[in-house]
C-alpha atoms as a PDB file:
ATOM      1  CA  MET A   1     154.084  55.634 197.593  1.00  0.00           C
ATOM      2  CA  LEU A   2     150.717  56.465 195.969  1.00  0.00           C
ATOM      3  CA  LYS A   3     152.542  58.452 193.105  1.00  0.00           C
ATOM      4  CA  SER A   4     154.868  55.466 192.444  1.00  0.00           C
ATOM      5  CA  LYS A   5     152.067  52.984 192.100  1.00  0.00           C
ATOM      6  CA  MET A   6     150.081  55.429 189.748  1.00  0.00           C
ATOM      7  CA  THR A   7     153.209  55.944 187.725  1.00  0.00           C
ATOM      8  CA  ASP A   8     153.508  52.237 187.176  1.00  0.00           C
ATOM      9  CA  LEU A   9     149.924  51.832 186.348  1.00  0.00           C
ATOM     10  CA  VAL A  10     149.986  54.775 183.914  1.00  0.00           C
ATOM     11  CA  ILE A  11     153.117  53.744 182.068  1.00  0.00           C
ATOM     12  CA  GLY A  12     151.923  50.266 181.751  1.00  0.00           C
ATOM     13  CA  LEU A  13     148.604  51.366 180.102  1.00  0.00           C
ATOM     14  CA  ILE A  14     150.605  53.486 177.746  1.00  0.00           C
ATOM     15  CA  MET A  15     152.837  50.707 176.908  1.00  0.00           C
ATOM     16  CA  VAL A  16     149.992  48.463 176.088  1.00  0.00           C
ATOM     17  CA  TYR A  17     148.699  51.178 173.817  1.00  0.00           C
ATOM     18  CA  PHE A  18     152.114  51.558 171.937  1.00  0.00           C
ATOM     19  CA  ALA A  19     152.124  47.575 171.727  1.00  0.00           C
ATOM     20  CA  TYR A  20     148.950  47.717 170.252  1.00  0.00           C
ATOM     21  CA  ASP A  21     149.774  50.274 167.561  1.00  0.00           C
ATOM     22  CA  ARG A  22     152.920  48.607 166.692  1.00  0.00           C
ATOM     23  CA  ILE A  23     151.469  45.071 166.241  1.00  0.00           C
ATOM     24  CA  SER A  24     148.728  46.627 164.179  1.00  0.00           C
ATOM     25  CA  ALA A  25     151.405  48.609 162.073  1.00  0.00           C
ATOM     26  CA  GLY A  26     153.143  45.270 161.393  1.00  0.00           C
ATOM     27  CA  GLN A  27     156.146  45.861 163.584  1.00  0.00           C
ATOM     28  CA  THR A  28     155.714  42.702 165.551  1.00  0.00           C
ATOM     29  CA  LYS A  29     158.931  42.534 167.558  1.00  0.00           C
ATOM     30  CA  MET A  30     158.446  46.071 168.909  1.00  0.00           C
ATOM     31  CA  GLY A  31     155.211  45.209 169.736  1.00  0.00           C
ATOM     32  CA  ILE A  32     156.223  42.185 171.783  1.00  0.00           C
ATOM     33  CA  LEU A  33     158.958  44.383 173.453  1.00  0.00           C
ATOM     34  CA  PHE A  34     156.065  46.943 174.365  1.00  0.00           C
ATOM     35  CA  VAL A  35     153.947  43.910 175.705  1.00  0.00           C
ATOM     36  CA  VAL A  36     156.643  42.864 177.921  1.00  0.00           C
ATOM     37  CA  LEU A  37     157.466  46.302 179.301  1.00  0.00           C
ATOM     38  CA  ALA A  38     153.777  46.690 179.942  1.00  0.00           C
ATOM     39  CA  PHE A  39     153.636  43.425 181.829  1.00  0.00           C
ATOM     40  CA  LEU A  40     156.435  44.019 183.877  1.00  0.00           C
ATOM     41  CA  ASN A  41     154.998  47.651 184.870  1.00  0.00           C
ATOM     42  CA  LEU A  42     151.604  46.040 185.866  1.00  0.00           C
ATOM     43  CA  VAL A  43     153.494  43.591 187.833  1.00  0.00           C
ATOM     44  CA  ALA A  44     155.295  46.049 189.759  1.00  0.00           C
ATOM     45  CA  PHE A  45     152.219  48.024 190.274  1.00  0.00           C
ATOM     46  CA  TYR A  46     150.539  44.697 191.908  1.00  0.00           C
ATOM     47  CA  VAL A  47     153.522  43.966 193.814  1.00  0.00           C
ATOM     48  CA  LYS A  48     153.394  47.564 195.363  1.00  0.00           C
ATOM     49  CA  LEU A  49     149.768  47.433 195.946  1.00  0.00           C
ATOM     50  CA  ARG A  50     150.070  43.944 197.926  1.00  0.00           C
ATOM     51  CA  THR A  51     152.887  45.141 199.829  1.00  0.00           C
ATOM     52  CA  GLU A  52     151.081  48.292 200.863  1.00  0.00           C
ATOM     53  CA  LYS A  53     148.054  46.242 201.951  1.00  0.00           C
ATOM     54  CA  GLN A  54     150.249  43.816 204.167  1.00  0.00           C
ATOM     55  CA  GLU A  55     152.007  46.767 205.811  1.00  0.00           C
ATOM     56  CA  GLN A  56     148.542  48.253 206.852  1.00  0.00           C
ATOM     57  CA  GLN A  57     147.666  44.906 208.540  1.00  0.00           C
END
């Protein structure tokens, strides 16, 4: 499960970079798309982290 969580975190951070890059280049719609995708990846990371903590208890 650790690899899956780390993958979600890394992909989320890369998407944030792409979003910033697209928005600064004037492609707002693509930037918004990358922001939404990054948000979903970071939410998946948080859910997996929380689920793992609950399983340990």
